[in-house]
C-alpha atoms as a PDB file:
ATOM      1  CA  MET A   1     -10.659 -36.533 -16.348  1.00  0.00           C
ATOM      2  CA  LYS A   2      -9.852 -34.485 -19.263  1.00  0.00           C
ATOM      3  CA  THR A   3     -12.343 -31.876 -18.534  1.00  0.00           C
ATOM      4  CA  THR A   4     -10.866 -31.858 -15.604  1.00  0.00           C
ATOM      5  CA  THR A   5      -7.493 -31.321 -16.929  1.00  0.00           C
ATOM      6  CA  ILE A   6      -8.456 -28.147 -19.160  1.00  0.00           C
ATOM      7  CA  THR A   7     -11.039 -26.571 -16.974  1.00  0.00           C
ATOM      8  CA  PHE A   8      -8.689 -25.951 -14.052  1.00  0.00           C
ATOM      9  CA  PRO A   9      -6.229 -23.903 -16.212  1.00  0.00           C
ATOM     10  CA  LEU A  10      -8.635 -22.242 -17.658  1.00  0.00           C
ATOM     11  CA  PHE A  11     -10.476 -21.568 -14.128  1.00  0.00           C
ATOM     12  CA  ALA A  12      -6.692 -20.223 -12.958  1.00  0.00           C
ATOM     13  CA  CYS A  13      -6.041 -17.919 -16.181  1.00  0.00           C
ATOM     14  CA  ALA A  14      -9.514 -16.375 -15.441  1.00  0.00           C
ATOM     15  CA  ALA A  15      -9.024 -15.801 -11.846  1.00  0.00           C
ATOM     16  CA  ALA A  16      -5.855 -14.322 -12.201  1.00  0.00           C
ATOM     17  CA  LEU A  17      -7.328 -11.575 -15.095  1.00  0.00           C
ATOM     18  CA  LEU A  18      -9.897 -10.930 -12.458  1.00  0.00           C
ATOM     19  CA  LEU A  19      -7.798 -10.386  -9.848  1.00  0.00           C
ATOM     20  CA  ALA A  20      -5.367  -8.329 -11.890  1.00  0.00           C
ATOM     21  CA  GLY A  21      -8.072  -5.742 -12.666  1.00  0.00           C
ATOM     22  CA  CYS A  22      -9.343  -5.490  -8.724  1.00  0.00           C
ATOM     23  CA  MET A  23      -5.828  -3.679  -7.699  1.00  0.00           C
ATOM     24  CA  THR A  24      -6.622  -0.239  -6.404  1.00  0.00           C
ATOM     25  CA  PRO A  25      -3.748   2.485  -7.056  1.00  0.00           C
ATOM     26  CA  ILE A  26      -2.846   4.181  -4.084  1.00  0.00           C
ATOM     27  CA  THR A  27      -0.933   8.012  -3.968  1.00  0.00           C
ATOM     28  CA  VAL A  28       1.075   8.902  -0.425  1.00  0.00           C
ATOM     29  CA  GLN A  29       2.599  11.614  -0.203  1.00  0.00           C
ATOM     30  CA  THR A  30       4.412  13.091   3.147  1.00  0.00           C
ATOM     31  CA  ASP A  31       4.524  16.586   4.502  1.00  0.00           C
ATOM     32  CA  PRO A  32       7.803  17.223   4.642  1.00  0.00           C
ATOM     33  CA  PRO A  33       8.939  14.837   1.600  1.00  0.00           C
ATOM     34  CA  GLY A  34      12.030  12.085   1.933  1.00  0.00           C
ATOM     35  CA  ALA A  35       9.986   9.587   3.925  1.00  0.00           C
ATOM     36  CA  THR A  36       9.674   5.907   3.277  1.00  0.00           C
ATOM     37  CA  VAL A  37       6.124   4.878   3.072  1.00  0.00           C
ATOM     38  CA  TYR A  38       5.152   1.485   4.040  1.00  0.00           C
ATOM     39  CA  CYS A  39       1.572  -0.377   3.621  1.00  0.00           C
ATOM     40  CA  ARG A  40      -0.076  -3.379   4.692  1.00  0.00           C
ATOM     41  CA  GLY A  41      -3.820  -4.952   4.361  1.00  0.00           C
ATOM     42  CA  TRP A  42      -6.151  -5.916   7.372  1.00  0.00           C
ATOM     43  CA  GLY A  43      -6.044  -9.099   8.531  1.00  0.00           C
ATOM     44  CA  ARG A  44      -3.604 -11.923   9.448  1.00  0.00           C
ATOM     45  CA  PRO A  45      -2.751 -12.868   5.756  1.00  0.00           C
ATOM     46  CA  ALA A  46      -1.451  -9.279   5.355  1.00  0.00           C
ATOM     47  CA  TYR A  47       0.322  -7.998   8.734  1.00  0.00           C
ATOM     48  CA  LYS A  48       3.522  -7.372   7.553  1.00  0.00           C
ATOM     49  CA  TRP A  49       4.730  -3.966   6.835  1.00  0.00           C
ATOM     50  CA  LYS A  50       6.242  -3.435   3.204  1.00  0.00           C
ATOM     51  CA  PRO A  51       8.447  -0.909   2.099  1.00  0.00           C
ATOM     52  CA  ARG A  52       6.725   1.163  -1.300  1.00  0.00           C
ATOM     53  CA  GLY A  53       8.867   3.577  -1.733  1.00  0.00           C
ATOM     54  CA  ARG A  54      10.569   6.846  -0.813  1.00  0.00           C
ATOM     55  CA  THR A  55       8.708  10.507  -1.168  1.00  0.00           C
ATOM     56  CA  GLU A  56      10.631  12.975  -3.016  1.00  0.00           C
ATOM     57  CA  ALA A  57       9.309  16.907  -3.243  1.00  0.00           C
ATOM     58  CA  GLY A  58       6.915  17.118  -5.385  1.00  0.00           C
ATOM     59  CA  LYS A  59       6.862  13.356  -6.005  1.00  0.00           C
ATOM     60  CA  PRO A  60       4.761  11.004  -3.973  1.00  0.00           C
ATOM     61  CA  VAL A  61       5.069   7.326  -3.954  1.00  0.00           C
ATOM     62  CA  VAL A  62       2.513   5.708  -6.070  1.00  0.00           C
ATOM     63  CA  PHE A  63       1.933   1.218  -5.975  1.00  0.00           C
ATOM     64  CA  ARG A  64      -1.588  -0.668  -6.301  1.00  0.00           C
ATOM     65  CA  VAL A  65      -2.529  -2.951  -3.731  1.00  0.00           C
ATOM     66  CA  PRO A  66      -5.547  -5.976  -3.907  1.00  0.00           C
ATOM     67  CA  TYR A  67      -6.515  -5.310  -0.525  1.00  0.00           C
ATOM     68  CA  ASN A  68     -10.239  -3.635   0.810  1.00  0.00           C
ATOM     69  CA  THR A  69      -8.484  -1.908   3.585  1.00  0.00           C
ATOM     70  CA  ILE A  70      -5.091  -0.904   4.051  1.00  0.00           C
ATOM     71  CA  HIS A  71      -2.956   0.931   6.998  1.00  0.00           C
ATOM     72  CA  THR A  72      -0.021   3.399   6.011  1.00  0.00           C
ATOM     73  CA  LEU A  73       2.367   4.842   7.807  1.00  0.00           C
ATOM     74  CA  ALA A  74       6.034   6.730   6.801  1.00  0.00           C
ATOM     75  CA  VAL A  75       9.083   7.228   8.379  1.00  0.00           C
ATOM     76  CA  TRP A  76      11.504   9.818   8.139  1.00  0.00           C
ATOM     77  CA  ASP A  77      15.133   8.704   8.773  1.00  0.00           C
ATOM     78  CA  ALA A  78      17.172  10.501  11.869  1.00  0.00           C
ATOM     79  CA  ALA A  79      19.165  13.471  11.760  1.00  0.00           C
ATOM     80  CA  ASP A  80      21.749  15.470  14.262  1.00  0.00           C
ATOM     81  CA  GLY A  81      21.563  12.719  16.685  1.00  0.00           C
ATOM     82  CA  LYS A  82      17.681  12.772  17.140  1.00  0.00           C
ATOM     83  CA  PRO A  83      15.379   9.744  16.788  1.00  0.00           C
ATOM     84  CA  ALA A  84      13.829   8.393  13.373  1.00  0.00           C
ATOM     85  CA  LYS A  85      10.284  10.420  13.016  1.00  0.00           C
ATOM     86  CA  ARG A  86       7.311   8.659  12.334  1.00  0.00           C
ATOM     87  CA  SER A  87       3.620   9.190  11.364  1.00  0.00           C
ATOM     88  CA  ASP A  88       0.256   7.931  12.623  1.00  0.00           C
ATOM     89  CA  GLU A  89      -0.705   4.693  10.961  1.00  0.00           C
ATOM     90  CA  VAL A  90      -3.812   5.362   8.897  1.00  0.00           C
ATOM     91  CA  GLU A  91      -6.300   3.040   7.500  1.00  0.00           C
ATOM     92  CA  THR A  92      -8.136   3.460   4.566  1.00  0.00           C
ATOM     93  CA  LYS A  93     -10.822   1.483   3.377  1.00  0.00           C
ATOM     94  CA  LEU A  94     -10.689   0.942  -0.526  1.00  0.00           C
ATOM     95  CA  LEU A  95     -14.346   0.038  -1.556  1.00  0.00           C
ATOM     96  CA  PHE A  96     -15.620   1.741  -4.082  1.00  0.00           C
ATOM     97  CA  ARG A  97     -13.016   4.775  -3.776  1.00  0.00           C
ATOM     98  CA  GLU A  98     -11.410   5.936  -6.855  1.00  0.00           C
ATOM     99  CA  ASP A  99      -7.354   6.171  -6.849  1.00  0.00           C
ATOM    100  CA  PRO A 100      -7.082   7.722  -3.052  1.00  0.00           C
ATOM    101  CA  VAL A 101      -4.568   9.900  -1.798  1.00  0.00           C
ATOM    102  CA  ILE A 102      -3.011   9.787   1.774  1.00  0.00           C
ATOM    103  CA  THR A 103      -1.079  12.809   3.093  1.00  0.00           C
ATOM    104  CA  LEU A 104       1.072  11.605   6.060  1.00  0.00           C
ATOM    105  CA  THR A 105       2.734  14.422   8.620  1.00  0.00           C
ATOM    106  CA  PRO A 106       5.404  13.451  11.723  1.00  0.00           C
ATOM    107  CA  ARG A 107       3.402  12.557  14.807  1.00  0.00           C
ATOM    108  CA  VAL A 108       3.711  14.963  17.552  1.00  0.00           C
ATOM    109  CA  GLN A 109       5.999  13.930  20.406  1.00  0.00           C
END
């Protein structure tokens, strides 16, 4: 009984350290700048879009994800009574890639 009580926290700590090191940094830039970047993982547990930041001139959005495949998109605010612009959804496979850079542009309508 004592062995189970002691080993479970040790395994939990080891798993947390291992998973923390498995997060991939992602850099997203938009052309033109000024868009809000959204990201989600692949599959049912990660289906919700999460805002990751807003791009500015010369300053991309950088964030870390624990997924193997991500989907990203950007949304530019509406201006002058026009509807908001958005990019196409981009799927990126992260396996064995170092620091991927994703560039998003508005969808042509």
